[in-house]
Protein backbone atom coordinates (compact mmCIF):
# COMPACT_ATOMS: atom_id res chain seq x y z
CA MET A 1 15.96 12.16 41.49
CA LYS A 2 16.77 13.84 38.29
CA ASP A 3 19.17 10.90 37.11
CA ALA A 4 16.08 8.28 38.30
CA LEU A 5 13.68 10.30 35.82
CA GLN A 6 16.45 10.49 32.89
CA ALA A 7 16.71 6.77 33.58
CA THR A 8 12.85 6.10 33.57
CA ALA A 9 12.58 8.35 30.24
CA GLN A 10 15.38 6.52 28.44
CA GLU A 11 13.79 3.07 29.27
CA GLU A 12 10.56 4.46 28.02
CA ALA A 13 12.02 5.15 24.73
CA VAL A 14 13.09 1.85 24.27
CA THR A 15 10.05 -0.13 25.21
CA THR A 16 7.52 2.09 23.63
CA MET A 17 7.03 3.89 19.96
CA LYS A 18 4.44 6.17 18.52
CA ALA A 19 2.15 3.91 16.55
CA VAL A 20 -1.94 4.50 14.83
CA ARG A 21 -4.13 1.83 16.91
CA ILE A 22 -7.66 1.00 17.07
CA HIS A 23 -9.22 0.21 20.40
CA ASP A 24 -12.58 -0.42 18.97
CA TYR A 25 -13.98 -0.69 15.12
CA GLY A 26 -15.96 2.19 13.78
CA THR A 27 -15.37 5.00 11.51
CA PRO A 28 -11.87 6.84 10.86
CA GLU A 29 -12.07 8.51 14.41
CA VAL A 30 -11.30 5.34 15.96
CA LEU A 31 -7.66 5.93 15.03
CA GLN A 32 -5.38 6.89 17.83
CA TYR A 33 -2.06 7.99 17.40
CA GLU A 34 -0.63 7.33 20.65
CA ASP A 35 2.13 5.54 22.37
CA ALA A 36 2.26 1.79 21.90
CA PRO A 37 4.67 -1.09 23.07
CA ARG A 38 7.77 -1.83 20.66
CA PRO A 39 7.52 -5.15 19.54
CA ARG A 40 10.25 -7.34 20.53
CA CYS A 41 12.06 -9.38 18.01
CA GLY A 42 11.98 -13.25 18.27
CA ARG A 43 14.02 -16.09 17.02
CA GLY A 44 12.34 -15.93 13.66
CA ASP A 45 11.58 -12.09 13.45
CA ILE A 46 12.96 -9.11 11.96
CA LEU A 47 12.67 -5.99 13.61
CA ILE A 48 12.04 -2.87 11.30
CA CYS A 49 12.70 0.70 11.93
CA VAL A 50 9.76 1.70 9.66
CA TYR A 51 10.25 4.87 7.32
CA ALA A 52 6.93 4.61 5.52
CA ALA A 53 3.81 2.60 5.78
CA GLY A 54 1.24 1.82 2.58
CA VAL A 55 -2.55 2.19 2.97
CA ASN A 56 -4.72 -0.29 1.59
CA PRO A 57 -8.29 -0.37 1.08
CA ILE A 58 -8.31 -3.83 3.62
CA ASP A 59 -7.07 -1.31 6.27
CA ALA A 60 -10.12 0.61 6.20
CA LYS A 61 -12.34 -2.78 6.07
CA ILE A 62 -10.55 -4.21 9.14
CA ARG A 63 -10.82 -1.04 10.97
CA GLN A 64 -14.79 -0.95 10.20
CA GLY A 65 -14.81 -4.72 12.00
CA ALA A 66 -14.60 -6.83 8.95
CA THR A 67 -11.96 -9.89 9.18
CA ARG A 68 -9.53 -11.63 6.88
CA LYS A 69 -9.35 -15.35 6.55
CA GLY A 70 -11.31 -15.29 9.70
CA VAL A 71 -8.61 -13.61 11.56
CA LYS A 72 -10.09 -11.78 14.97
CA TYR A 73 -7.70 -8.98 16.22
CA ALA A 74 -7.11 -8.44 19.88
CA LEU A 75 -7.90 -4.75 20.89
CA PRO A 76 -6.30 -2.59 20.93
CA PHE A 77 -3.75 -3.21 17.58
CA VAL A 78 -1.74 -1.37 14.94
CA LEU A 79 -2.99 -1.47 11.01
CA GLY A 80 -1.23 -1.56 8.32
CA PHE A 81 0.15 -4.26 5.85
CA ASP A 82 2.79 -2.83 3.52
CA VAL A 83 6.05 -1.55 5.02
CA SER A 84 9.56 0.00 3.97
CA GLY A 85 12.39 0.72 6.64
CA VAL A 86 16.00 -0.21 7.65
CA VAL A 87 16.64 -3.80 10.04
CA GLU A 88 16.86 -2.81 13.27
CA ALA A 89 17.52 -6.42 14.62
CA VAL A 90 16.83 -9.70 13.59
CA GLY A 91 16.22 -12.99 15.50
CA SER A 92 18.53 -15.89 15.58
CA ASP A 93 17.06 -17.99 12.80
CA VAL A 94 16.93 -15.13 10.32
CA THR A 95 19.47 -15.26 7.42
CA SER A 96 17.92 -13.43 4.38
CA VAL A 97 18.35 -10.04 5.88
CA LYS A 98 20.75 -8.53 8.31
CA GLU A 99 20.92 -5.19 10.76
CA GLY A 100 21.07 -1.92 8.60
CA ASP A 101 19.48 -3.57 5.21
CA GLU A 102 16.80 -1.48 3.69
CA VAL A 103 14.06 -3.89 3.42
CA PHE A 104 10.21 -3.59 2.59
CA GLY A 105 7.53 -6.46 2.65
CA ARG A 106 3.94 -7.17 3.19
CA LEU A 107 3.35 -8.24 6.87
CA ASP A 108 0.95 -11.30 7.26
CA PHE A 109 -2.83 -10.45 8.06
CA GLU A 110 -2.59 -12.28 11.25
CA SER A 111 -0.07 -9.60 12.50
CA PRO A 112 -0.50 -6.16 11.03
CA GLY A 113 1.63 -3.38 12.71
CA ALA A 114 2.99 -1.09 9.66
CA TYR A 115 1.30 2.17 11.25
CA ALA A 116 4.11 2.45 13.92
CA GLU A 117 7.69 3.52 14.03
CA TYR A 118 8.76 -0.09 14.75
CA ALA A 119 7.49 -3.29 13.34
CA ILE A 120 8.04 -7.09 13.16
CA GLY A 121 8.25 -9.15 9.83
CA THR A 122 9.53 -12.57 8.74
CA GLN A 123 11.61 -14.16 6.43
CA SER A 124 8.55 -15.01 4.06
CA GLU A 125 7.41 -11.39 4.20
CA ILE A 126 10.59 -9.25 3.92
CA ALA A 127 12.76 -8.47 1.14
CA LEU A 128 15.59 -6.29 0.37
CA LYS A 129 13.86 -2.65 -1.07
CA PRO A 130 14.17 -1.70 -4.68
CA ARG A 131 17.83 0.10 -4.75
CA CYS A 132 15.84 2.86 -7.20
CA LEU A 133 13.09 3.79 -5.08
CA ASP A 134 13.32 5.95 -1.74
CA HIS A 135 11.33 4.63 1.32
CA ILE A 136 7.92 6.36 0.48
CA GLN A 137 7.90 4.94 -3.27
CA THR A 138 8.82 1.63 -1.92
CA ALA A 139 5.65 1.44 0.45
CA ALA A 140 3.21 1.73 -1.90
CA VAL A 141 4.44 -1.62 -3.50
CA PRO A 142 4.28 -4.81 -1.64
CA LEU A 143 0.44 -5.56 -1.30
CA ALA A 144 -0.93 -4.27 -4.55
CA ALA A 145 2.09 -5.35 -6.48
CA LEU A 146 1.69 -8.86 -5.22
CA THR A 147 -2.01 -9.14 -5.64
CA ALA A 148 -1.89 -7.87 -9.38
CA TRP A 149 0.97 -10.54 -9.88
CA GLN A 150 -0.51 -13.61 -8.31
CA GLY A 151 -3.87 -12.64 -9.82
CA LEU A 152 -2.36 -12.31 -13.38
CA PHE A 153 0.37 -15.12 -13.26
CA GLU A 154 -0.53 -17.35 -10.59
CA VAL A 155 -4.38 -17.49 -11.01
CA GLY A 156 -5.00 -16.02 -14.38
CA LYS A 157 -2.00 -17.93 -15.93
CA LEU A 158 -1.65 -14.99 -18.07
CA GLN A 159 0.88 -15.54 -21.11
CA SER A 160 2.79 -13.35 -23.89
CA GLY A 161 0.65 -12.61 -26.45
CA GLN A 162 -2.77 -13.06 -24.61
CA THR A 163 -5.26 -10.18 -23.68
CA VAL A 164 -5.95 -9.06 -20.55
CA LEU A 165 -8.88 -6.86 -19.10
CA ILE A 166 -7.78 -5.08 -15.88
CA HIS A 167 -10.76 -3.41 -13.93
CA GLY A 168 -9.89 -0.19 -11.70
CA ALA A 169 -6.76 -0.05 -13.54
CA ALA A 170 -5.84 3.65 -12.24
CA GLY A 171 -6.06 2.25 -8.34
CA GLY A 172 -3.64 0.76 -6.19
CA VAL A 173 -3.82 -2.83 -7.80
CA GLY A 174 -4.57 -1.85 -10.95
CA HIS A 175 -2.05 0.27 -11.81
CA PHE A 176 0.81 -2.32 -10.97
CA ALA A 177 -1.48 -4.86 -13.10
CA VAL A 178 -1.13 -2.56 -16.02
CA GLN A 179 2.65 -2.70 -15.70
CA LEU A 180 3.19 -6.35 -15.23
CA ALA A 181 0.83 -7.49 -17.78
CA LYS A 182 2.59 -5.55 -20.41
CA TRP A 183 6.28 -6.61 -18.64
CA LYS A 184 4.90 -10.20 -19.36
CA GLY A 185 4.08 -9.30 -23.04
CA ALA A 186 0.15 -8.99 -23.14
CA HIS A 187 -2.15 -6.82 -25.09
CA VAL A 188 -3.73 -4.43 -21.87
CA ILE A 189 -7.33 -3.45 -21.91
CA ALA A 190 -7.89 -1.35 -19.09
CA THR A 191 -10.69 0.36 -17.33
CA ALA A 192 -10.53 4.08 -15.73
CA SER A 193 -12.16 7.18 -15.49
CA GLY A 194 -11.35 10.83 -15.55
CA ASP A 195 -7.72 11.69 -15.08
CA GLY A 196 -7.38 8.00 -14.35
CA VAL A 197 -7.52 7.56 -18.37
CA GLY A 198 -4.49 9.15 -19.08
CA LEU A 199 -2.24 7.65 -16.35
CA VAL A 200 -3.23 4.51 -17.17
CA ARG A 201 -2.35 4.95 -20.99
CA SER A 202 1.13 6.60 -19.42
CA LEU A 203 1.61 3.30 -18.15
CA GLY A 204 1.20 1.08 -21.00
CA GLY A 205 -2.37 0.38 -21.34
CA ASP A 206 -3.03 -0.54 -25.10
CA GLU A 207 -6.86 0.03 -25.11
CA VAL A 208 -7.86 2.50 -22.29
CA ILE A 209 -11.73 2.82 -21.89
CA ASP A 210 -13.28 5.24 -19.80
CA TYR A 211 -16.08 3.38 -18.19
CA LYS A 212 -18.35 6.19 -17.06
CA ALA A 213 -18.72 7.40 -20.96
CA ILE A 214 -18.40 3.80 -22.76
CA ASP A 215 -19.86 0.41 -21.88
CA PHE A 216 -16.88 -1.58 -21.65
CA GLU A 217 -18.80 -4.96 -22.43
CA GLN A 218 -19.83 -3.08 -25.66
CA ALA A 219 -16.43 -2.50 -26.46
CA VAL A 220 -14.23 -5.63 -25.29
CA CYS A 221 -14.71 -9.03 -26.61
CA SER A 222 -12.34 -12.27 -26.50
CA VAL A 223 -10.10 -12.02 -23.80
CA ASP A 224 -8.03 -14.40 -21.79
CA VAL A 225 -7.97 -13.01 -18.23
CA VAL A 226 -10.13 -10.27 -16.60
CA LEU A 227 -8.60 -9.15 -13.39
CA ASP A 228 -11.54 -7.61 -11.37
CA VAL A 229 -10.95 -5.87 -8.08
CA ILE A 230 -14.42 -4.12 -8.24
CA GLY A 231 -17.05 -6.85 -8.32
CA GLY A 232 -20.79 -6.12 -8.49
CA GLU A 233 -22.40 -4.86 -11.79
CA THR A 234 -18.55 -4.67 -13.12
CA GLN A 235 -18.13 -8.34 -12.34
CA LYS A 236 -21.76 -9.12 -13.72
CA ARG A 237 -20.76 -7.33 -17.12
CA SER A 238 -17.12 -9.00 -17.47
CA TRP A 239 -18.63 -12.53 -18.00
CA GLN A 240 -19.37 -11.77 -21.77
CA THR A 241 -15.86 -10.26 -22.60
CA LEU A 242 -13.80 -13.66 -22.09
CA LYS A 243 -13.12 -15.78 -24.71
CA LYS A 244 -14.28 -19.68 -24.24
CA GLY A 245 -12.19 -21.03 -21.68
CA GLY A 246 -10.83 -17.65 -20.76
CA VAL A 247 -10.72 -16.98 -16.82
CA LEU A 248 -12.59 -14.15 -14.62
CA VAL A 249 -9.89 -13.71 -11.42
CA SER A 250 -11.65 -11.69 -8.39
CA THR A 251 -10.20 -10.44 -5.29
CA VAL A 252 -13.95 -9.79 -4.00
CA GLY A 253 -15.39 -12.80 -4.73
CA ILE A 254 -17.39 -14.69 -7.33
CA ALA A 255 -21.21 -13.32 -6.68
CA ASP A 256 -22.67 -15.68 -9.36
CA HIS A 257 -21.51 -19.40 -9.56
CA ASP A 258 -23.61 -20.10 -12.06
CA ALA A 259 -21.98 -17.50 -14.87
CA PRO A 260 -18.80 -19.42 -15.55
CA ALA A 261 -20.69 -22.41 -16.76
CA THR A 262 -23.00 -20.20 -18.62
CA PHE A 263 -20.45 -18.30 -20.62
CA GLY A 264 -18.02 -21.54 -20.81
CA VAL A 265 -15.13 -19.66 -18.87
CA ARG A 266 -13.68 -19.76 -15.47
CA GLY A 267 -14.18 -17.86 -12.19
CA GLU A 268 -11.61 -18.13 -9.75
CA SER A 269 -11.37 -15.84 -6.45
CA PHE A 270 -8.26 -15.42 -4.35
CA LEU A 271 -6.55 -13.70 -1.43
CA ALA A 272 -3.47 -12.40 -2.00
CA ARG A 273 -0.63 -13.61 0.49
CA ALA A 274 2.85 -12.60 1.73
CA ASP A 275 5.81 -13.81 -0.63
CA ALA A 276 9.58 -12.62 -0.32
CA GLN A 277 10.69 -14.60 -3.26
CA GLN A 278 7.86 -12.93 -5.26
CA LEU A 279 8.86 -9.19 -3.89
CA LYS A 280 12.65 -9.73 -4.55
CA GLU A 281 11.52 -10.48 -8.38
CA ILE A 282 9.43 -7.40 -8.27
CA ALA A 283 12.05 -5.37 -7.09
CA ARG A 284 14.01 -6.48 -9.61
CA ILE A 285 11.91 -5.74 -12.14
CA ILE A 286 11.05 -2.23 -10.62
CA ASP A 287 15.00 -1.46 -10.57
CA GLU A 288 15.02 -2.32 -14.44
CA GLY A 289 12.68 0.62 -14.82
CA ARG A 290 10.01 -1.83 -16.31
CA VAL A 291 7.37 -1.12 -13.44
CA ARG A 292 6.80 1.91 -11.21
CA PRO A 293 4.64 2.84 -8.16
CA ILE A 294 2.19 5.83 -8.47
CA VAL A 295 2.07 8.08 -4.94
CA SER A 296 -0.92 9.99 -4.85
CA ALA A 297 -0.77 11.30 -1.45
CA VAL A 298 1.98 11.26 1.36
CA LEU A 299 0.30 12.41 4.63
CA PRO A 300 2.36 11.77 8.05
CA LEU A 301 1.88 9.03 10.48
CA GLU A 302 -0.40 11.15 12.82
CA GLU A 303 -3.03 11.86 9.81
CA ALA A 304 -4.09 8.37 9.22
CA ARG A 305 -7.24 9.39 10.02
CA MET A 306 -7.20 11.63 6.70
CA ALA A 307 -5.47 8.67 4.73
CA HIS A 308 -8.59 6.37 5.72
CA GLU A 309 -11.02 9.22 4.59
CA MET A 310 -9.12 9.33 1.12
CA ILE A 311 -8.99 5.79 0.47
CA GLN A 312 -12.77 4.94 1.49
CA THR A 313 -13.82 7.57 -1.50
CA GLY A 314 -12.63 4.61 -3.91
CA SER A 315 -11.33 6.79 -6.29
CA THR A 316 -7.80 7.17 -5.21
CA ARG A 317 -4.92 6.89 -7.71
CA GLY A 318 -2.12 4.72 -7.16
CA LYS A 319 -1.46 4.86 -3.48
CA ILE A 320 -1.29 6.83 -0.37
CA VAL A 321 1.64 6.32 2.07
CA LEU A 322 2.00 7.45 5.77
CA LYS A 323 5.38 8.89 6.13
CA VAL A 324 6.68 7.65 9.54
CA ARG A 325 10.16 9.31 9.71
CA ASN A 326 12.58 11.13 7.43
């Protein structure tokens, strides 16, 4: 009997894991730290032993019931898109990484799962992690850095010598945007408040405006690109800061579709996507010392509720990361 019980326990240890799941939508209290089925590795999959998971505002929105690209998740499910860890196993079709590789990635919005001891990614989502960072720092990178990269360079077409206005520059996406824009050779004007002003200056911001003390639209004009991650009144007041032919790039949508024509500019909204090739480039730039993640708080996986309470304040500096294992 004792041997049978031991065998059963060993089998359960292989097929289950600790994870943070939701069984219903709502406040942070719906986040449950519990046993969950361990994901299985299919032909095109990469099974990751998770060391750390990044926390993003979109996590809280999905927890509250918002959808992304119309995706509806079957309950219960594991939240989390930012992952850093070690490859546990790969499917037969996977050639980009191998067992034992240290990797990071942004999981697809249709299949989250980073708030767990194990997660599944694919070759289009997962890349070798930056060598100079530990897993905690690395987990802060994927979604925010990809959003900044795609917003600035793919949608905004930002070039060396141009001027960019970055809102929310001390936040998750913003602090990467400041550094990537500087790497590109742009002149960076950024908005922040409180101790975020000093942080953004330390990251290379050429002009940093305390938006609580100064109306930024009175101090800024003729910029080529505005990166807007805030929306609302901030977006409304940003149109006039653009030069003719400039572009406002938003992660939260364009509220006034008449504004671009009124000001002779363009307005573009976008949803960032997973992209392993871009992650490889971002990792290279990080290893060159040109970009660094800012981690404002590290919490154990079982304290995901507290992480969500923090992220919902909208005043987080840099990123919050959940530590899954040592």
